[in-house]
């Protein structure tokens, strides 16, 4: 069904670190998560002065809405 395809192939699940069930089932999740961590580490190195990555600054950056959070996840997955 269309829903089953979306759920298994497109929808990224929070309980399995925002990969799809199909990616997890096929064993692709480990590489995706490795690449994602690499992207995050590179961003941290480039943005060491920002409050998001600097523990000496007390400002915490949090997405204002669930949709903003989803957009961040979509964008990060596009970098992979």
Protein backbone atom coordinates (compact mmCIF):
# COMPACT_ATOMS: atom_id res chain seq x y z
CA UNK A 1 0.00 0.00 0.00
CA UNK A 2 0.99 3.63 -0.39
CA UNK A 3 1.02 4.15 3.37
CA UNK A 4 3.24 1.11 4.01
CA UNK A 5 5.71 2.31 1.39
CA UNK A 6 5.83 5.80 2.93
CA UNK A 7 6.15 4.40 6.45
CA UNK A 8 8.96 1.99 5.61
CA UNK A 9 10.86 3.84 2.86
CA UNK A 10 10.38 7.57 3.55
CA UNK A 11 9.40 8.21 7.16
CA UNK A 12 12.38 8.70 9.49
CA UNK A 13 11.69 7.27 12.93
CA UNK A 14 12.90 8.98 16.08
CA UNK A 15 13.25 5.68 17.95
CA UNK A 16 15.81 4.42 15.41
CA UNK A 17 17.81 7.66 15.21
CA UNK A 18 15.87 9.19 12.32
CA UNK A 19 16.55 6.56 9.69
CA UNK A 20 13.83 4.69 7.83
CA UNK A 21 12.86 1.14 8.77
CA UNK A 22 14.01 0.05 5.30
CA UNK A 23 17.46 1.61 5.85
CA UNK A 24 17.67 -0.12 9.22
CA UNK A 25 16.47 -3.47 7.85
CA UNK A 26 18.99 -3.37 4.98
CA UNK A 27 21.83 -2.46 7.33
CA UNK A 28 22.37 0.97 5.76
CA UNK A 29 21.71 2.81 9.02
CA UNK A 30 25.24 2.38 10.39
CA UNK A 31 26.81 4.16 7.41
CA UNK A 32 24.14 6.88 7.41
CA UNK A 33 24.74 7.55 11.09
CA UNK A 34 28.53 7.59 10.58
CA UNK A 35 28.17 10.13 7.77
CA UNK A 36 25.73 12.21 9.81
CA UNK A 37 28.15 12.29 12.75
CA UNK A 38 30.93 13.39 10.39
CA UNK A 39 28.76 16.25 9.09
CA UNK A 40 27.90 17.31 12.66
CA UNK A 41 31.54 17.19 13.76
CA UNK A 42 32.60 19.26 10.75
CA UNK A 43 29.90 21.82 11.53
CA UNK A 44 31.05 21.98 15.15
CA UNK A 45 34.62 22.69 14.05
CA UNK A 46 33.50 25.43 11.65
CA UNK A 47 31.19 27.06 14.21
CA UNK A 48 33.18 26.90 17.43
CA UNK A 49 32.28 30.49 18.26
CA UNK A 50 28.53 29.96 18.13
CA UNK A 51 26.56 29.39 21.30
CA UNK A 52 25.24 26.10 19.95
CA UNK A 53 28.70 24.50 20.21
CA UNK A 54 30.44 26.65 22.78
CA UNK A 55 29.93 25.38 26.34
CA UNK A 56 31.12 28.74 27.71
CA UNK A 57 28.06 30.50 26.33
CA UNK A 58 24.84 29.75 28.18
CA UNK A 59 22.44 30.29 25.26
CA UNK A 60 20.76 27.11 24.09
CA UNK A 61 19.52 26.93 20.51
CA UNK A 62 16.31 24.94 20.17
CA UNK A 63 14.02 24.72 17.12
CA UNK A 64 10.93 26.81 17.80
CA UNK A 65 8.49 24.30 16.35
CA UNK A 66 8.23 20.64 15.49
CA UNK A 67 8.18 21.65 11.82
CA UNK A 68 11.47 23.54 12.26
CA UNK A 69 12.97 20.41 13.81
CA UNK A 70 11.71 18.29 10.91
CA UNK A 71 13.26 20.74 8.46
CA UNK A 72 16.62 20.42 10.22
CA UNK A 73 16.40 16.63 9.97
CA UNK A 74 15.46 16.81 6.27
CA UNK A 75 18.31 19.20 5.53
CA UNK A 76 20.86 17.13 7.44
CA UNK A 77 19.82 13.99 5.60
CA UNK A 78 20.31 15.81 2.28
CA UNK A 79 23.97 16.35 3.20
CA UNK A 80 24.60 12.63 3.35
